[in-house]
Amino acid sequence: MSKDLIERFKEKAVAVSAEVFTAPDQKNALDKALEWLRQEQKLRITADDRLAGLLAARENAGFSLVFPDRPEQFAGLQAALVEADFAVAETGTLVHLDATPRDLWRWTLPENCLAFLDKRKIAASMEELLEAFNTYLSSGGKEGEGSPANEVKQISFVTGPSRTADIEGQLELGVHGPLRLLIFIYG
């Protein structure tokens, strides 16, 4: 993994208003995320299955970890912690393979999305990402690598926090997704 590739991803992600942090491993990335949540007083959170186990193992974390079933319940949460399946350096885009609507809701409905990204999963370009998809799908997916390939129903591409402009060109954040996107690159 080229350090330039990570820097390119960070540069592109920051350019679209994402906040990017680095850590030597997933545990340290999670520590940074929890520190941010405490500092910002974002204590009502949800997490995907991969991160929920790590959070549950931490005693006295001070968070209310919730697992909603309906979209309106996600909208009331202050943050979601999710693991990205892939990323694209040329655009600063995170990629998530969604097996259920709940997977998609975690990325889009809480006001803050804290995404974790293994640096080995950063593709240089969309072409390289498509090659990674082909490898992933032809292998049937791997345990611990996200949803099994045969369960993927949708692919989500997330580039920065949600933003839109009204008819007068006034920029609004958080209308169609999270108000803030924090990316924790580890490995």
Foldseek 3Di string as FASTA:
>chain_A
DDPVLVVLLCVLLVVQPAAEAEDAAPVVLVVVVLVVCVVVVQAEEEEPPLCVVVVVPDPPSRHRYDQDDDLVVLLPHQEYEYEFLAEESNRSKTKAQDLDVSNVSRFFRHQEYEYEYEPVRYDHHVVRVVVVLVVCLVVQHDPPSHDGNVRGDDMDIDRFFDWDAPPVRRIDTRPGGHNHYYYYYYD
